[in-house]
Amino acid sequence: MHQRKPRPSFKNAAKILSSDDITNAENFWVKEAQRTLYEDIGKGRYKRLCPRKSEDGIYVVGGRGERWMEMSHNKYVIILLPYDHQFSCLYAEHINRK
């Protein structure tokens, strides 16, 4: 028997976003941008940055970056993003505006 594909729906298009929705979307796009880094990290290209995966699966900078955060007022982890990815440019612009 031939099954029908479900029709696209705009049912939740006007849904108000929660802070969890925004965080999940941000994490998704960070991970998507980082997909281009997997091979380079495996080859040791970012070895001096001591990259490690955080508990949510995002590569962050370790080593000196962590020591700097302990001494400064900035307590956020530093996310490792490819410099030439479009999302990286948009994310940097967003953080600068914040």
PDB file of N, CA and C in Angstrom:
ATOM      1  N   MET A   1       0.820  -1.177   0.000  1.00  0.00           N
ATOM      2  CA  MET A   1       0.000   0.000   0.000  1.00  0.00           C
ATOM      3  C   MET A   1       0.871   1.252   0.000  1.00  0.00           C
ATOM      4  N   HIS A   2       0.469   2.254  -0.724  1.00  0.00           N
ATOM      5  CA  HIS A   2       1.214   3.501  -0.829  1.00  0.00           C
ATOM      6  C   HIS A   2       0.863   4.417   0.349  1.00  0.00           C
ATOM      7  N   GLN A   3       1.910   4.837   1.117  1.00  0.00           N
ATOM      8  CA  GLN A   3       1.664   5.718   2.256  1.00  0.00           C
ATOM      9  C   GLN A   3       1.783   7.169   1.826  1.00  0.00           C
ATOM     10  N   ARG A   4       0.941   7.975   2.373  1.00  0.00           N
ATOM     11  CA  ARG A   4       0.974   9.400   2.098  1.00  0.00           C
ATOM     12  C   ARG A   4       1.988  10.080   3.006  1.00  0.00           C
ATOM     13  N   LYS A   5       2.720  11.017   2.431  1.00  0.00           N
ATOM     14  CA  LYS A   5       3.638  11.811   3.240  1.00  0.00           C
ATOM     15  C   LYS A   5       2.828  12.843   4.015  1.00  0.00           C
ATOM     16  N   PRO A   6       3.221  13.094   5.248  1.00  0.00           N
ATOM     17  CA  PRO A   6       2.498  14.133   5.992  1.00  0.00           C
ATOM     18  C   PRO A   6       2.722  15.495   5.346  1.00  0.00           C
ATOM     19  N   ARG A   7       1.678  16.271   5.329  1.00  0.00           N
ATOM     20  CA  ARG A   7       1.766  17.607   4.737  1.00  0.00           C
ATOM     21  C   ARG A   7       2.504  18.541   5.675  1.00  0.00           C
ATOM     22  N   PRO A   8       3.321  19.434   5.124  1.00  0.00           N
ATOM     23  CA  PRO A   8       3.988  20.417   5.972  1.00  0.00           C
ATOM     24  C   PRO A   8       2.950  21.267   6.689  1.00  0.00           C
ATOM     25  N   SER A   9       3.269  21.655   7.896  1.00  0.00           N
ATOM     26  CA  SER A   9       2.331  22.425   8.699  1.00  0.00           C
ATOM     27  C   SER A   9       3.025  23.643   9.301  1.00  0.00           C
ATOM     28  N   PHE A  10       2.292  24.701   9.394  1.00  0.00           N
ATOM     29  CA  PHE A  10       2.780  25.900  10.055  1.00  0.00           C
ATOM     30  C   PHE A  10       2.164  26.035  11.447  1.00  0.00           C
ATOM     31  N   LYS A  11       1.748  24.910  11.995  1.00  0.00           N
ATOM     32  CA  LYS A  11       1.026  24.886  13.262  1.00  0.00           C
ATOM     33  C   LYS A  11       1.799  25.595  14.380  1.00  0.00           C
ATOM     34  N   ASN A  12       3.094  25.334  14.501  1.00  0.00           N
ATOM     35  CA  ASN A  12       3.887  25.933  15.582  1.00  0.00           C
ATOM     36  C   ASN A  12       4.764  27.094  15.111  1.00  0.00           C
ATOM     37  N   ALA A  13       4.483  27.617  13.935  1.00  0.00           N
ATOM     38  CA  ALA A  13       5.321  28.677  13.378  1.00  0.00           C
ATOM     39  C   ALA A  13       5.271  29.946  14.222  1.00  0.00           C
ATOM     40  N   ALA A  14       4.159  30.216  14.853  1.00  0.00           N
ATOM     41  CA  ALA A  14       4.016  31.432  15.651  1.00  0.00           C
ATOM     42  C   ALA A  14       4.261  31.176  17.134  1.00  0.00           C
ATOM     43  N   LYS A  15       4.778  30.021  17.462  1.00  0.00           N
ATOM     44  CA  LYS A  15       5.044  29.665  18.856  1.00  0.00           C
ATOM     45  C   LYS A  15       6.088  30.614  19.440  1.00  0.00           C
ATOM     46  N   ILE A  16       5.866  31.040  20.651  1.00  0.00           N
ATOM     47  CA  ILE A  16       6.827  31.901  21.328  1.00  0.00           C
ATOM     48  C   ILE A  16       7.992  31.041  21.785  1.00  0.00           C
ATOM     49  N   LEU A  17       9.208  31.491  21.475  1.00  0.00           N
ATOM     50  CA  LEU A  17      10.404  30.723  21.808  1.00  0.00           C
ATOM     51  C   LEU A  17      10.761  30.879  23.277  1.00  0.00           C
ATOM     52  N   SER A  18      11.113  29.766  23.890  1.00  0.00           N
ATOM     53  CA  SER A  18      11.588  29.808  25.265  1.00  0.00           C
ATOM     54  C   SER A  18      13.108  29.957  25.247  1.00  0.00           C
ATOM     55  N   SER A  19      13.685  30.214  26.390  1.00  0.00           N
ATOM     56  CA  SER A  19      15.153  30.323  26.461  1.00  0.00           C
ATOM     57  C   SER A  19      15.803  28.983  26.131  1.00  0.00           C
ATOM     58  N   ASP A  20      15.144  27.876  26.479  1.00  0.00           N
ATOM     59  CA  ASP A  20      15.665  26.543  26.115  1.00  0.00           C
ATOM     60  C   ASP A  20      15.665  26.342  24.607  1.00  0.00           C
ATOM     61  N   ASP A  21      14.616  26.812  23.936  1.00  0.00           N
ATOM     62  CA  ASP A  21      14.555  26.711  22.471  1.00  0.00           C
ATOM     63  C   ASP A  21      15.726  27.451  21.832  1.00  0.00           C
ATOM     64  N   ILE A  22      16.006  28.632  22.333  1.00  0.00           N
ATOM     65  CA  ILE A  22      17.089  29.446  21.780  1.00  0.00           C
ATOM     66  C   ILE A  22      18.441  28.796  22.056  1.00  0.00           C
ATOM     67  N   THR A  23      18.636  28.292  23.274  1.00  0.00           N
ATOM     68  CA  THR A  23      19.880  27.610  23.620  1.00  0.00           C
ATOM     69  C   THR A  23      20.081  26.364  22.772  1.00  0.00           C
ATOM     70  N   ASN A  24      19.032  25.587  22.584  1.00  0.00           N
ATOM     71  CA  ASN A  24      19.119  24.376  21.756  1.00  0.00           C
ATOM     72  C   ASN A  24      19.459  24.720  20.309  1.00  0.00           C
ATOM     73  N   ALA A  25      18.858  25.774  19.783  1.00  0.00           N
ATOM     74  CA  ALA A  25      19.148  26.199  18.403  1.00  0.00           C
ATOM     75  C   ALA A  25      20.592  26.673  18.280  1.00  0.00           C
ATOM     76  N   GLU A  26      21.053  27.437  19.262  1.00  0.00           N
ATOM     77  CA  GLU A  26      22.440  27.920  19.239  1.00  0.00           C
ATOM     78  C   GLU A  26      23.412  26.741  19.291  1.00  0.00           C
ATOM     79  N   ASN A  27      23.160  25.784  20.179  1.00  0.00           N
ATOM     80  CA  ASN A  27      24.020  24.603  20.274  1.00  0.00           C
ATOM     81  C   ASN A  27      24.018  23.796  18.981  1.00  0.00           C
ATOM     82  N   PHE A  28      22.860  23.682  18.352  1.00  0.00           N
ATOM     83  CA  PHE A  28      22.770  22.953  17.088  1.00  0.00           C
ATOM     84  C   PHE A  28      23.672  23.597  16.035  1.00  0.00           C
ATOM     85  N   TRP A  29      23.600  24.922  15.899  1.00  0.00           N
ATOM     86  CA  TRP A  29      24.375  25.601  14.861  1.00  0.00           C
ATOM     87  C   TRP A  29      25.861  25.628  15.173  1.00  0.00           C
ATOM     88  N   VAL A  30      26.218  25.701  16.455  1.00  0.00           N
ATOM     89  CA  VAL A  30      27.630  25.613  16.827  1.00  0.00           C
ATOM     90  C   VAL A  30      28.179  24.241  16.443  1.00  0.00           C
ATOM     91  N   LYS A  31      27.445  23.182  16.772  1.00  0.00           N
ATOM     92  CA  LYS A  31      27.880  21.818  16.425  1.00  0.00           C
ATOM     93  C   LYS A  31      27.952  21.641  14.912  1.00  0.00           C
ATOM     94  N   GLU A  32      27.010  22.216  14.209  1.00  0.00           N
ATOM     95  CA  GLU A  32      27.001  22.119  12.745  1.00  0.00           C
ATOM     96  C   GLU A  32      28.244  22.793  12.154  1.00  0.00           C
ATOM     97  N   ALA A  33      28.594  23.961  12.671  1.00  0.00           N
ATOM     98  CA  ALA A  33      29.789  24.659  12.193  1.00  0.00           C
ATOM     99  C   ALA A  33      31.047  23.886  12.560  1.00  0.00           C
ATOM    100  N   GLN A  34      31.048  23.250  13.723  1.00  0.00           N
ATOM    101  CA  GLN A  34      32.225  22.515  14.174  1.00  0.00           C
ATOM    102  C   GLN A  34      32.453  21.212  13.408  1.00  0.00           C
ATOM    103  N   ARG A  35      31.488  20.765  12.647  1.00  0.00           N
ATOM    104  CA  ARG A  35      31.667  19.536  11.871  1.00  0.00           C
ATOM    105  C   ARG A  35      32.866  19.631  10.938  1.00  0.00           C
ATOM    106  N   THR A  36      33.180  20.834  10.498  1.00  0.00           N
ATOM    107  CA  THR A  36      34.331  21.015   9.608  1.00  0.00           C
ATOM    108  C   THR A  36      35.660  20.920  10.366  1.00  0.00           C
ATOM    109  N   LEU A  37      35.616  20.958  11.696  1.00  0.00           N
ATOM    110  CA  LEU A  37      36.833  20.926  12.506  1.00  0.00           C
ATOM    111  C   LEU A  37      37.261  19.523  12.915  1.00  0.00           C
ATOM    112  N   TYR A  38      36.366  18.536  12.835  1.00  0.00           N
ATOM    113  CA  TYR A  38      36.653  17.192  13.355  1.00  0.00           C
ATOM    114  C   TYR A  38      37.962  16.636  12.810  1.00  0.00           C
ATOM    115  N   GLU A  39      38.136  16.709  11.514  1.00  0.00           N
ATOM    116  CA  GLU A  39      39.337  16.150  10.887  1.00  0.00           C
ATOM    117  C   GLU A  39      40.589  16.896  11.342  1.00  0.00           C
ATOM    118  N   ASP A  40      40.502  18.221  11.396  1.00  0.00           N
ATOM    119  CA  ASP A  40      41.649  19.025  11.821  1.00  0.00           C
ATOM    120  C   ASP A  40      42.015  18.764  13.279  1.00  0.00           C
ATOM    121  N   ILE A  41      41.023  18.609  14.130  1.00  0.00           N
ATOM    122  CA  ILE A  41      41.296  18.318  15.543  1.00  0.00           C
ATOM    123  C   ILE A  41      41.966  16.954  15.664  1.00  0.00           C
ATOM    124  N   GLY A  42      41.484  15.981  14.878  1.00  0.00           N
ATOM    125  CA  GLY A  42      42.086  14.644  14.873  1.00  0.00           C
ATOM    126  C   GLY A  42      43.532  14.644  14.420  1.00  0.00           C
ATOM    127  N   LYS A  43      43.862  15.559  13.515  1.00  0.00           N
ATOM    128  CA  LYS A  43      45.243  15.673  13.012  1.00  0.00           C
ATOM    129  C   LYS A  43      46.130  16.497  13.945  1.00  0.00           C
ATOM    130  N   GLY A  44      45.560  17.083  14.977  1.00  0.00           N
ATOM    131  CA  GLY A  44      46.333  17.864  15.933  1.00  0.00           C
ATOM    132  C   GLY A  44      46.547  19.310  15.532  1.00  0.00           C
ATOM    133  N   ARG A  45      45.773  19.808  14.594  1.00  0.00           N
ATOM    134  CA  ARG A  45      45.965  21.190  14.123  1.00  0.00           C
ATOM    135  C   ARG A  45      45.733  22.216  15.231  1.00  0.00           C
ATOM    136  N   TYR A  46      44.820  21.945  16.125  1.00  0.00           N
ATOM    137  CA  TYR A  46      44.495  22.887  17.201  1.00  0.00           C
ATOM    138  C   TYR A  46      45.076  22.441  18.539  1.00  0.00           C
ATOM    139  N   LYS A  47      46.124  21.668  18.499  1.00  0.00           N
ATOM    140  CA  LYS A  47      46.715  21.067  19.696  1.00  0.00           C
ATOM    141  C   LYS A  47      47.083  22.121  20.746  1.00  0.00           C
ATOM    142  N   ARG A  48      47.609  23.252  20.315  1.00  0.00           N
ATOM    143  CA  ARG A  48      48.033  24.292  21.260  1.00  0.00           C
ATOM    144  C   ARG A  48      46.858  24.909  22.010  1.00  0.00           C
ATOM    145  N   LEU A  49      45.656  24.781  21.460  1.00  0.00           N
ATOM    146  CA  LEU A  49      44.470  25.315  22.127  1.00  0.00           C
ATOM    147  C   LEU A  49      43.864  24.328  23.123  1.00  0.00           C
ATOM    148  N   CYS A  50      44.387  23.105  23.146  1.00  0.00           N
ATOM    149  CA  CYS A  50      43.892  22.038  24.035  1.00  0.00           C
ATOM    150  C   CYS A  50      42.373  21.868  23.907  1.00  0.00           C
ATOM    151  N   PRO A  51      41.876  21.596  22.693  1.00  0.00           N
ATOM    152  CA  PRO A  51      40.422  21.466  22.534  1.00  0.00           C
ATOM    153  C   PRO A  51      39.894  20.244  23.272  1.00  0.00           C
ATOM    154  N   ARG A  52      38.722  20.410  23.837  1.00  0.00           N
ATOM    155  CA  ARG A  52      38.042  19.294  24.504  1.00  0.00           C
ATOM    156  C   ARG A  52      36.545  19.476  24.273  1.00  0.00           C
ATOM    157  N   LYS A  53      35.827  18.375  24.405  1.00  0.00           N
ATOM    158  CA  LYS A  53      34.376  18.433  24.254  1.00  0.00           C
ATOM    159  C   LYS A  53      33.734  18.718  25.599  1.00  0.00           C
ATOM    160  N   SER A  54      32.835  19.661  25.625  1.00  0.00           N
ATOM    161  CA  SER A  54      32.085  19.947  26.846  1.00  0.00           C
ATOM    162  C   SER A  54      30.989  18.893  27.013  1.00  0.00           C
ATOM    163  N   GLU A  55      30.270  18.948  28.129  1.00  0.00           N
ATOM    164  CA  GLU A  55      29.240  17.934  28.391  1.00  0.00           C
ATOM    165  C   GLU A  55      28.104  17.966  27.372  1.00  0.00           C
ATOM    166  N   ASP A  56      27.930  19.078  26.669  1.00  0.00           N
ATOM    167  CA  ASP A  56      26.881  19.131  25.643  1.00  0.00           C
ATOM    168  C   ASP A  56      27.401  18.844  24.239  1.00  0.00           C
ATOM    169  N   GLY A  57      28.662  18.358  24.133  1.00  0.00           N
ATOM    170  CA  GLY A  57      29.198  17.912  22.851  1.00  0.00           C
ATOM    171  C   GLY A  57      29.810  19.000  21.992  1.00  0.00           C
ATOM    172  N   ILE A  58      30.074  20.163  22.559  1.00  0.00           N
ATOM    173  CA  ILE A  58      30.653  21.284  21.827  1.00  0.00           C
ATOM    174  C   ILE A  58      32.132  21.376  22.161  1.00  0.00           C
ATOM    175  N   TYR A  59      32.967  21.546  21.121  1.00  0.00           N
ATOM    176  CA  TYR A  59      34.401  21.712  21.352  1.00  0.00           C
ATOM    177  C   TYR A  59      34.662  23.093  21.934  1.00  0.00           C
ATOM    178  N   VAL A  60      35.404  23.112  23.044  1.00  0.00           N
ATOM    179  CA  VAL A  60      35.792  24.359  23.684  1.00  0.00           C
ATOM    180  C   VAL A  60      37.306  24.371  23.843  1.00  0.00           C
ATOM    181  N   VAL A  61      37.837  25.564  24.065  1.00  0.00           N
ATOM    182  CA  VAL A  61      39.274  25.740  24.232  1.00  0.00           C
ATOM    183  C   VAL A  61      39.633  25.429  25.681  1.00  0.00           C
ATOM    184  N   GLY A  62      40.698  24.672  25.868  1.00  0.00           N
ATOM    185  CA  GLY A  62      41.171  24.331  27.209  1.00  0.00           C
ATOM    186  C   GLY A  62      42.504  25.003  27.471  1.00  0.00           C
ATOM    187  N   GLY A  63      43.276  24.450  28.378  1.00  0.00           N
ATOM    188  CA  GLY A  63      44.636  24.923  28.637  1.00  0.00           C
ATOM    189  C   GLY A  63      44.706  26.359  29.098  1.00  0.00           C
ATOM    190  N   ARG A  64      45.456  27.185  28.357  1.00  0.00           N
ATOM    191  CA  ARG A  64      45.652  28.586  28.749  1.00  0.00           C
ATOM    192  C   ARG A  64      44.334  29.345  28.809  1.00  0.00           C
ATOM    193  N   GLY A  65      43.413  29.012  27.940  1.00  0.00           N
ATOM    194  CA  GLY A  65      42.109  29.689  27.960  1.00  0.00           C
ATOM    195  C   GLY A  65      41.384  29.471  29.270  1.00  0.00           C
ATOM    196  N   GLU A  66      41.441  28.246  29.796  1.00  0.00           N
ATOM    197  CA  GLU A  66      40.791  27.967  31.078  1.00  0.00           C
ATOM    198  C   GLU A  66      41.470  28.725  32.215  1.00  0.00           C
ATOM    199  N   ARG A  67      42.790  28.780  32.200  1.00  0.00           N
ATOM    200  CA  ARG A  67      43.514  29.505  33.250  1.00  0.00           C
ATOM    201  C   ARG A  67      43.195  30.994  33.188  1.00  0.00           C
ATOM    202  N   TRP A  68      43.057  31.547  31.963  1.00  0.00           N
ATOM    203  CA  TRP A  68      42.715  32.949  31.813  1.00  0.00           C
ATOM    204  C   TRP A  68      41.333  33.228  32.394  1.00  0.00           C
ATOM    205  N   MET A  69      40.383  32.310  32.136  1.00  0.00           N
ATOM    206  CA  MET A  69      39.022  32.510  32.636  1.00  0.00           C
ATOM    207  C   MET A  69      38.983  32.490  34.165  1.00  0.00           C
ATOM    208  N   GLU A  70      39.826  31.657  34.782  1.00  0.00           N
ATOM    209  CA  GLU A  70      39.863  31.608  36.244  1.00  0.00           C
ATOM    210  C   GLU A  70      40.331  32.935  36.831  1.00  0.00           C
ATOM    211  N   MET A  71      41.240  33.628  36.142  1.00  0.00           N
ATOM    212  CA  MET A  71      41.801  34.872  36.655  1.00  0.00           C
ATOM    213  C   MET A  71      40.989  36.098  36.271  1.00  0.00           C
ATOM    214  N   SER A  72      40.137  36.005  35.282  1.00  0.00           N
ATOM    215  CA  SER A  72      39.406  37.178  34.812  1.00  0.00           C
ATOM    216  C   SER A  72      37.960  37.155  35.298  1.00  0.00           C
ATOM    217  N   HIS A  73      37.259  38.213  34.972  1.00  0.00           N
ATOM    218  CA  HIS A  73      35.833  38.299  35.311  1.00  0.00           C
ATOM    219  C   HIS A  73      34.984  37.446  34.369  1.00  0.00           C
ATOM    220  N   ASN A  74      35.536  37.074  33.217  1.00  0.00           N
ATOM    221  CA  ASN A  74      34.812  36.283  32.218  1.00  0.00           C
ATOM    222  C   ASN A  74      34.827  34.818  32.624  1.00  0.00           C
ATOM    223  N   LYS A  75      33.677  34.280  32.955  1.00  0.00           N
ATOM    224  CA  LYS A  75      33.601  32.888  33.404  1.00  0.00           C
ATOM    225  C   LYS A  75      32.974  31.966  32.350  1.00  0.00           C
ATOM    226  N   TYR A  76      32.848  32.439  31.118  1.00  0.00           N
ATOM    227  CA  TYR A  76      32.292  31.629  30.050  1.00  0.00           C
ATOM    228  C   TYR A  76      33.388  30.806  29.374  1.00  0.00           C
ATOM    229  N   VAL A  77      33.019  29.634  28.900  1.00  0.00           N
ATOM    230  CA  VAL A  77      33.982  28.835  28.148  1.00  0.00           C
ATOM    231  C   VAL A  77      34.143  29.460  26.764  1.00  0.00           C
ATOM    232  N   ILE A  78      35.287  29.199  26.152  1.00  0.00           N
ATOM    233  CA  ILE A  78      35.565  29.744  24.833  1.00  0.00           C
ATOM    234  C   ILE A  78      35.273  28.646  23.813  1.00  0.00           C
ATOM    235  N   ILE A  79      34.307  28.892  22.949  1.00  0.00           N
ATOM    236  CA  ILE A  79      33.885  27.910  21.948  1.00  0.00           C
ATOM    237  C   ILE A  79      34.837  27.972  20.768  1.00  0.00           C
ATOM    238  N   LEU A  80      35.243  26.809  20.285  1.00  0.00           N
ATOM    239  CA  LEU A  80      36.126  26.722  19.122  1.00  0.00           C
ATOM    240  C   LEU A  80      35.277  26.680  17.856  1.00  0.00           C
ATOM    241  N   LEU A  81      35.416  27.715  17.022  1.00  0.00           N
ATOM    242  CA  LEU A  81      34.661  27.794  15.770  1.00  0.00           C
ATOM    243  C   LEU A  81      35.618  28.012  14.608  1.00  0.00           C
ATOM    244  N   PRO A  82      35.305  27.451  13.438  1.00  0.00           N
ATOM    245  CA  PRO A  82      36.140  27.692  12.259  1.00  0.00           C
ATOM    246  C   PRO A  82      36.007  29.151  11.821  1.00  0.00           C
ATOM    247  N   TYR A  83      37.127  29.785  11.559  1.00  0.00           N
ATOM    248  CA  TYR A  83      37.103  31.218  11.235  1.00  0.00           C
ATOM    249  C   TYR A  83      36.405  31.514   9.915  1.00  0.00           C
ATOM    250  N   ASP A  84      36.381  30.554   8.984  1.00  0.00           N
ATOM    251  CA  ASP A  84      35.846  30.827   7.652  1.00  0.00           C
ATOM    252  C   ASP A  84      34.409  30.347   7.455  1.00  0.00           C
ATOM    253  N   HIS A  85      33.747  29.942   8.523  1.00  0.00           N
ATOM    254  CA  HIS A  85      32.366  29.468   8.415  1.00  0.00           C
ATOM    255  C   HIS A  85      31.418  30.660   8.583  1.00  0.00           C
ATOM    256  N   GLN A  86      30.355  30.698   7.813  1.00  0.00           N
ATOM    257  CA  GLN A  86      29.410  31.811   7.865  1.00  0.00           C
ATOM    258  C   GLN A  86      28.801  31.962   9.256  1.00  0.00           C
ATOM    259  N   PHE A  87      28.526  30.827   9.919  1.00  0.00           N
ATOM    260  CA  PHE A  87      27.946  30.904  11.260  1.00  0.00           C
ATOM    261  C   PHE A  87      28.901  31.592  12.231  1.00  0.00           C
ATOM    262  N   SER A  88      30.199  31.347  12.087  1.00  0.00           N
ATOM    263  CA  SER A  88      31.192  31.969  12.970  1.00  0.00           C
ATOM    264  C   SER A  88      31.120  33.493  12.875  1.00  0.00           C
ATOM    265  N   CYS A  89      31.001  34.002  11.670  1.00  0.00           N
ATOM    266  CA  CYS A  89      30.891  35.449  11.470  1.00  0.00           C
ATOM    267  C   CYS A  89      29.616  35.995  12.107  1.00  0.00           C
ATOM    268  N   LEU A  90      28.498  35.304  11.893  1.00  0.00           N
ATOM    269  CA  LEU A  90      27.234  35.743  12.469  1.00  0.00           C
ATOM    270  C   LEU A  90      27.258  35.676  13.990  1.00  0.00           C
ATOM    271  N   TYR A  91      27.868  34.620  14.524  1.00  0.00           N
ATOM    272  CA  TYR A  91      27.937  34.445  15.978  1.00  0.00           C
ATOM    273  C   TYR A  91      28.807  35.532  16.608  1.00  0.00           C
ATOM    274  N   ALA A  92      29.950  35.829  15.995  1.00  0.00           N
ATOM    275  CA  ALA A  92      30.834  36.882  16.510  1.00  0.00           C
ATOM    276  C   ALA A  92      30.119  38.234  16.490  1.00  0.00           C
ATOM    277  N   GLU A  93      29.389  38.500  15.424  1.00  0.00           N
ATOM    278  CA  GLU A  93      28.635  39.748  15.325  1.00  0.00           C
ATOM    279  C   GLU A  93      27.571  39.824  16.420  1.00  0.00           C
ATOM    280  N   HIS A  94      26.882  38.700  16.673  1.00  0.00           N
ATOM    281  CA  HIS A  94      25.853  38.643  17.704  1.00  0.00           C
ATOM    282  C   HIS A  94      26.458  38.909  19.090  1.00  0.00           C
ATOM    283  N   ILE A  95      27.590  38.270  19.395  1.00  0.00           N
ATOM    284  CA  ILE A  95      28.234  38.454  20.704  1.00  0.00           C
ATOM    285  C   ILE A  95      28.710  39.889  20.864  1.00  0.00           C
ATOM    286  N   ASN A  96      29.253  40.477  19.807  1.00  0.00           N
ATOM    287  CA  ASN A  96      29.699  41.874  19.881  1.00  0.00           C
ATOM    288  C   ASN A  96      28.548  42.838  20.152  1.00  0.00           C
ATOM    289  N   ARG A  97      27.395  42.555  19.590  1.00  0.00           N
ATOM    290  CA  ARG A  97      26.228  43.413  19.809  1.00  0.00           C
ATOM    291  C   ARG A  97      25.673  43.274  21.218  1.00  0.00           C
ATOM    292  N   LYS A  98      25.859  42.087  21.792  1.00  0.00           N
ATOM    293  CA  LYS A  98      25.388  41.820  23.156  1.00  0.00           C
ATOM    294  C   LYS A  98      26.152  42.702  24.113  1.00  0.00           C
TER     295      LYS A  98
END
